[in-house]
Amino acid sequence: MQELNQNDKVVTIFEAEDEMQCRMIAALLEQDGIDYLINSNQVPMFDGVMTKLRGFWGRLQVLEGDSERAKRLIADFLAAQPIEPEETENPE
């Protein structure tokens, strides 16, 4: 993790639809050595209310200097197509 100083600017790079999407993308950033912050919209006793009001679960934020690299990683991740399992014949 990088040391932060008062001149470092943190920017939002992604608004996640749900916590699972946010955690998967955060893991991707971590694998690439990018420090991040997760800012959830959730209020513990009002499960899901803020997601409905704001239209997204939470924000992923990174240091401004890492933002372009992080955005490229996220774009590549979201553009990837899942690999379909091969169909096997059912020997009945």
Protein backbone atom coordinates (compact mmCIF):
# COMPACT_ATOMS: atom_id res chain seq x y z
CA MET A 1 0.00 0.00 0.00
CA GLN A 2 1.27 3.44 -0.92
CA GLU A 3 1.87 6.19 1.60
CA LEU A 4 -0.63 9.01 1.04
CA ASN A 5 0.19 12.66 1.42
CA GLN A 6 -2.05 15.70 1.47
CA ASN A 7 -1.49 16.37 -2.25
CA ASP A 8 -2.76 12.96 -3.39
CA LYS A 9 -6.13 13.11 -5.09
CA VAL A 10 -8.53 10.18 -4.96
CA VAL A 11 -10.91 9.80 -7.92
CA THR A 12 -13.94 7.62 -8.59
CA ILE A 13 -13.31 5.17 -11.41
CA PHE A 14 -16.33 2.88 -11.22
CA GLU A 15 -19.86 2.71 -9.81
CA ALA A 16 -20.66 -0.92 -9.03
CA GLU A 17 -24.15 -2.38 -9.44
CA ASP A 18 -23.76 -4.64 -6.41
CA GLU A 19 -21.25 -5.72 -3.80
CA MET A 20 -20.17 -8.84 -5.71
CA GLN A 21 -19.24 -6.82 -8.80
CA CYS A 22 -17.40 -4.31 -6.63
CA ARG A 23 -15.41 -7.00 -4.81
CA MET A 24 -14.47 -8.79 -8.06
CA ILE A 25 -13.17 -5.58 -9.62
CA ALA A 26 -11.38 -4.62 -6.39
CA ALA A 27 -9.59 -8.00 -6.47
CA LEU A 28 -8.57 -7.33 -10.08
CA LEU A 29 -7.10 -3.96 -9.09
CA GLU A 30 -5.30 -5.51 -6.14
CA GLN A 31 -3.75 -8.19 -8.37
CA ASP A 32 -2.35 -5.42 -10.54
CA GLY A 33 -0.92 -3.56 -7.55
CA ILE A 34 -3.45 -0.71 -7.58
CA ASP A 35 -4.58 0.53 -4.17
CA TYR A 36 -8.29 1.30 -3.96
CA LEU A 37 -11.08 2.46 -1.70
CA ILE A 38 -14.61 1.09 -1.65
CA ASN A 39 -17.32 3.59 -0.73
CA SER A 40 -20.57 1.71 -0.25
CA ASN A 41 -23.91 3.50 -0.34
CA GLN A 42 -25.41 0.96 2.02
CA VAL A 43 -26.99 1.86 5.33
CA PRO A 44 -27.00 -1.26 7.56
CA MET A 45 -30.60 -1.14 8.77
CA PHE A 46 -32.01 -0.13 5.36
CA ASP A 47 -30.78 -2.99 3.21
CA GLY A 48 -30.82 -2.04 -0.46
CA VAL A 49 -32.61 1.30 -0.05
CA MET A 50 -29.64 3.47 -1.04
CA THR A 51 -28.86 1.27 -4.04
CA LYS A 52 -32.40 1.90 -5.30
CA LEU A 53 -32.17 5.64 -4.61
CA ARG A 54 -28.74 6.19 -6.15
CA GLY A 55 -28.85 3.53 -8.84
CA PHE A 56 -25.62 1.79 -7.82
CA TRP A 57 -24.25 -0.13 -4.82
CA GLY A 58 -21.04 1.81 -4.28
CA ARG A 59 -17.99 3.47 -5.78
CA LEU A 60 -14.46 2.23 -6.39
CA GLN A 61 -11.84 4.94 -6.00
CA VAL A 62 -8.11 5.03 -6.72
CA LEU A 63 -5.31 7.57 -6.66
CA GLU A 64 -5.53 9.88 -9.64
CA GLY A 65 -2.18 8.63 -10.99
CA ASP A 66 -3.55 5.07 -11.18
CA SER A 67 -6.93 5.98 -12.65
CA GLU A 68 -6.23 5.42 -16.35
CA ARG A 69 -4.61 2.04 -15.79
CA ALA A 70 -7.46 1.01 -13.47
CA LYS A 71 -10.11 2.12 -15.98
CA ARG A 72 -8.42 0.05 -18.73
CA LEU A 73 -8.34 -3.03 -16.49
CA ILE A 74 -12.01 -2.61 -15.63
CA ALA A 75 -13.01 -2.06 -19.26
CA ASP A 76 -11.14 -5.21 -20.32
CA PHE A 77 -12.73 -7.18 -17.48
CA LEU A 78 -16.25 -6.03 -18.33
CA ALA A 79 -15.74 -6.66 -22.06
CA ALA A 80 -14.56 -10.25 -21.53
CA GLN A 81 -16.97 -12.95 -22.61
CA PRO A 82 -17.55 -15.95 -20.36
CA ILE A 83 -16.26 -19.27 -21.60
CA GLU A 84 -19.15 -21.60 -22.25
CA PRO A 85 -18.65 -25.16 -21.05
CA GLU A 86 -18.49 -27.75 -23.78
CA GLU A 87 -21.63 -29.74 -24.16
CA THR A 88 -21.17 -33.43 -23.61
CA GLU A 89 -23.45 -36.07 -25.01
CA ASN A 90 -25.53 -37.77 -22.41
CA PRO A 91 -25.01 -41.54 -22.85
CA GLU A 92 -28.42 -42.86 -21.86
